[in-house]
N, C-alpha and C. Protein backbone atom coordinates (compact mmCIF):
# COMPACT_ATOMS: atom_id res chain seq x y z
N MET A 1 7.75 13.92 -16.01
CA MET A 1 6.55 14.02 -15.21
C MET A 1 5.54 12.97 -15.70
N PRO A 2 4.92 12.22 -14.77
CA PRO A 2 3.96 11.19 -15.17
C PRO A 2 2.69 11.81 -15.76
N SER A 3 2.08 11.07 -16.67
CA SER A 3 0.84 11.55 -17.28
C SER A 3 -0.32 11.45 -16.29
N ASN A 4 -1.39 12.19 -16.57
CA ASN A 4 -2.57 12.13 -15.70
C ASN A 4 -3.14 10.72 -15.63
N LYS A 5 -3.09 10.02 -16.77
CA LYS A 5 -3.61 8.65 -16.82
C LYS A 5 -2.77 7.74 -15.90
N SER A 6 -1.46 7.92 -15.94
CA SER A 6 -0.56 7.13 -15.12
C SER A 6 -0.78 7.42 -13.63
N VAL A 7 -0.94 8.68 -13.29
CA VAL A 7 -1.18 9.07 -11.89
C VAL A 7 -2.51 8.50 -11.41
N LYS A 8 -3.53 8.58 -12.24
CA LYS A 8 -4.85 8.05 -11.86
C LYS A 8 -4.77 6.54 -11.62
N ALA A 9 -4.08 5.84 -12.51
CA ALA A 9 -3.94 4.39 -12.36
C ALA A 9 -3.17 4.06 -11.08
N ALA A 10 -2.14 4.83 -10.78
CA ALA A 10 -1.36 4.60 -9.55
C ALA A 10 -2.22 4.83 -8.31
N LYS A 11 -3.02 5.88 -8.33
CA LYS A 11 -3.90 6.16 -7.18
C LYS A 11 -4.91 5.03 -6.99
N GLU A 12 -5.44 4.51 -8.08
CA GLU A 12 -6.39 3.40 -7.99
C GLU A 12 -5.71 2.15 -7.45
N ALA A 13 -4.49 1.89 -7.89
CA ALA A 13 -3.74 0.73 -7.41
C ALA A 13 -3.41 0.88 -5.92
N LEU A 14 -3.07 2.08 -5.48
CA LEU A 14 -2.80 2.31 -4.06
C LEU A 14 -4.06 2.11 -3.23
N ALA A 15 -5.19 2.54 -3.75
CA ALA A 15 -6.46 2.32 -3.03
C ALA A 15 -6.74 0.83 -2.91
N ALA A 16 -6.46 0.07 -3.97
CA ALA A 16 -6.65 -1.38 -3.92
C ALA A 16 -5.69 -2.02 -2.92
N ALA A 17 -4.47 -1.51 -2.85
CA ALA A 17 -3.49 -2.04 -1.89
C ALA A 17 -3.96 -1.78 -0.45
N ARG A 18 -4.45 -0.56 -0.20
CA ARG A 18 -4.97 -0.24 1.14
C ARG A 18 -6.09 -1.20 1.52
N GLU A 19 -7.01 -1.40 0.61
CA GLU A 19 -8.15 -2.29 0.88
C GLU A 19 -7.69 -3.72 1.14
N GLN A 20 -6.74 -4.20 0.36
CA GLN A 20 -6.23 -5.56 0.54
C GLN A 20 -5.55 -5.71 1.89
N LEU A 21 -4.76 -4.73 2.28
CA LEU A 21 -4.09 -4.80 3.59
C LEU A 21 -5.11 -4.82 4.72
N ARG A 22 -6.17 -4.06 4.59
CA ARG A 22 -7.21 -4.04 5.64
C ARG A 22 -7.99 -5.35 5.67
N GLN A 23 -8.37 -5.85 4.50
CA GLN A 23 -9.19 -7.06 4.44
C GLN A 23 -8.42 -8.30 4.90
N ARG A 24 -7.20 -8.43 4.47
CA ARG A 24 -6.43 -9.64 4.77
C ARG A 24 -5.69 -9.58 6.10
N ASP A 25 -5.56 -8.40 6.66
CA ASP A 25 -4.96 -8.21 7.99
C ASP A 25 -3.68 -9.01 8.17
N TYR A 26 -2.73 -8.78 7.28
CA TYR A 26 -1.45 -9.48 7.31
C TYR A 26 -0.71 -9.30 8.64
N ALA A 27 -0.94 -8.21 9.32
CA ALA A 27 -0.22 -7.91 10.55
C ALA A 27 -0.81 -8.61 11.78
N ALA A 28 -1.89 -9.33 11.63
CA ALA A 28 -2.57 -9.95 12.78
C ALA A 28 -1.63 -10.85 13.58
N ALA A 29 -0.87 -11.68 12.90
CA ALA A 29 0.03 -12.61 13.61
C ALA A 29 1.09 -11.84 14.40
N LEU A 30 1.56 -10.75 13.84
CA LEU A 30 2.56 -9.94 14.56
C LEU A 30 1.96 -9.31 15.81
N ARG A 31 0.73 -8.79 15.69
CA ARG A 31 0.06 -8.21 16.85
C ARG A 31 -0.18 -9.26 17.93
N GLU A 32 -0.56 -10.48 17.52
CA GLU A 32 -0.81 -11.56 18.47
C GLU A 32 0.45 -11.91 19.25
N ARG A 33 1.60 -11.72 18.64
CA ARG A 33 2.87 -12.03 19.29
C ARG A 33 3.42 -10.83 20.07
N GLY A 34 2.63 -9.77 20.15
CA GLY A 34 3.02 -8.63 20.96
C GLY A 34 3.86 -7.58 20.26
N ALA A 35 3.89 -7.59 18.95
CA ALA A 35 4.68 -6.59 18.23
C ALA A 35 4.11 -5.20 18.50
N GLY A 36 4.99 -4.24 18.53
CA GLY A 36 4.58 -2.85 18.71
C GLY A 36 3.99 -2.31 17.42
N GLU A 37 4.38 -1.12 17.08
CA GLU A 37 3.86 -0.49 15.86
C GLU A 37 4.30 -1.29 14.63
N ILE A 38 3.36 -1.54 13.75
CA ILE A 38 3.63 -2.28 12.52
C ILE A 38 3.38 -1.35 11.35
N ALA A 39 4.39 -1.15 10.54
CA ALA A 39 4.26 -0.28 9.38
C ALA A 39 3.83 -1.11 8.18
N GLN A 40 2.78 -0.66 7.51
CA GLN A 40 2.31 -1.31 6.29
C GLN A 40 2.36 -0.29 5.16
N TRP A 41 2.84 -0.72 4.00
CA TRP A 41 3.03 0.19 2.88
C TRP A 41 2.38 -0.37 1.62
N GLY A 42 1.72 0.50 0.89
CA GLY A 42 1.26 0.17 -0.45
C GLY A 42 2.28 0.71 -1.43
N ILE A 43 2.73 -0.13 -2.35
CA ILE A 43 3.76 0.27 -3.31
C ILE A 43 3.28 -0.07 -4.72
N VAL A 44 3.37 0.91 -5.60
CA VAL A 44 2.95 0.73 -7.00
C VAL A 44 4.13 1.08 -7.89
N PHE A 45 4.44 0.18 -8.83
CA PHE A 45 5.51 0.41 -9.79
C PHE A 45 4.91 0.63 -11.17
N ASP A 46 5.42 1.62 -11.88
CA ASP A 46 5.01 1.90 -13.25
C ASP A 46 6.28 2.25 -14.03
N GLY A 47 6.92 1.22 -14.57
CA GLY A 47 8.20 1.45 -15.23
C GLY A 47 9.23 1.92 -14.22
N LYS A 48 9.79 3.09 -14.44
CA LYS A 48 10.78 3.65 -13.52
C LYS A 48 10.14 4.49 -12.43
N LYS A 49 8.83 4.66 -12.46
CA LYS A 49 8.12 5.46 -11.46
C LYS A 49 7.63 4.55 -10.33
N VAL A 50 7.68 5.08 -9.12
CA VAL A 50 7.22 4.33 -7.95
C VAL A 50 6.37 5.25 -7.10
N TRP A 51 5.22 4.75 -6.66
CA TRP A 51 4.36 5.46 -5.71
C TRP A 51 4.34 4.62 -4.44
N ILE A 52 4.53 5.29 -3.32
CA ILE A 52 4.56 4.60 -2.02
C ILE A 52 3.64 5.35 -1.06
N GLU A 53 2.84 4.58 -0.33
CA GLU A 53 1.91 5.18 0.63
C GLU A 53 1.86 4.32 1.88
N ARG A 54 2.00 4.96 3.02
CA ARG A 54 1.86 4.23 4.28
C ARG A 54 0.39 4.01 4.55
N VAL A 55 0.05 2.80 4.95
CA VAL A 55 -1.33 2.44 5.24
C VAL A 55 -1.49 2.38 6.75
N GLU A 56 -2.38 3.17 7.27
CA GLU A 56 -2.63 3.22 8.72
C GLU A 56 -3.65 2.18 9.10
C-alpha cells in the first residue's frame, strides 16, 4: 500500500498534468481536423505504482 506522502505527491502531479493539458490544448489540432471524442489522460509513475486519471 502506498504511503500517504506518496499518494499526496501523486495527486499533486495529476493536478499538474490536468492543468498542463488544459493550458497547452494538445488536442486542438485533432479537433480542427474533425476528430470526435478525444481521450486525454494524466499518468503518474512512482516506482512500480501508477496513477491514471482521465482528463475531461
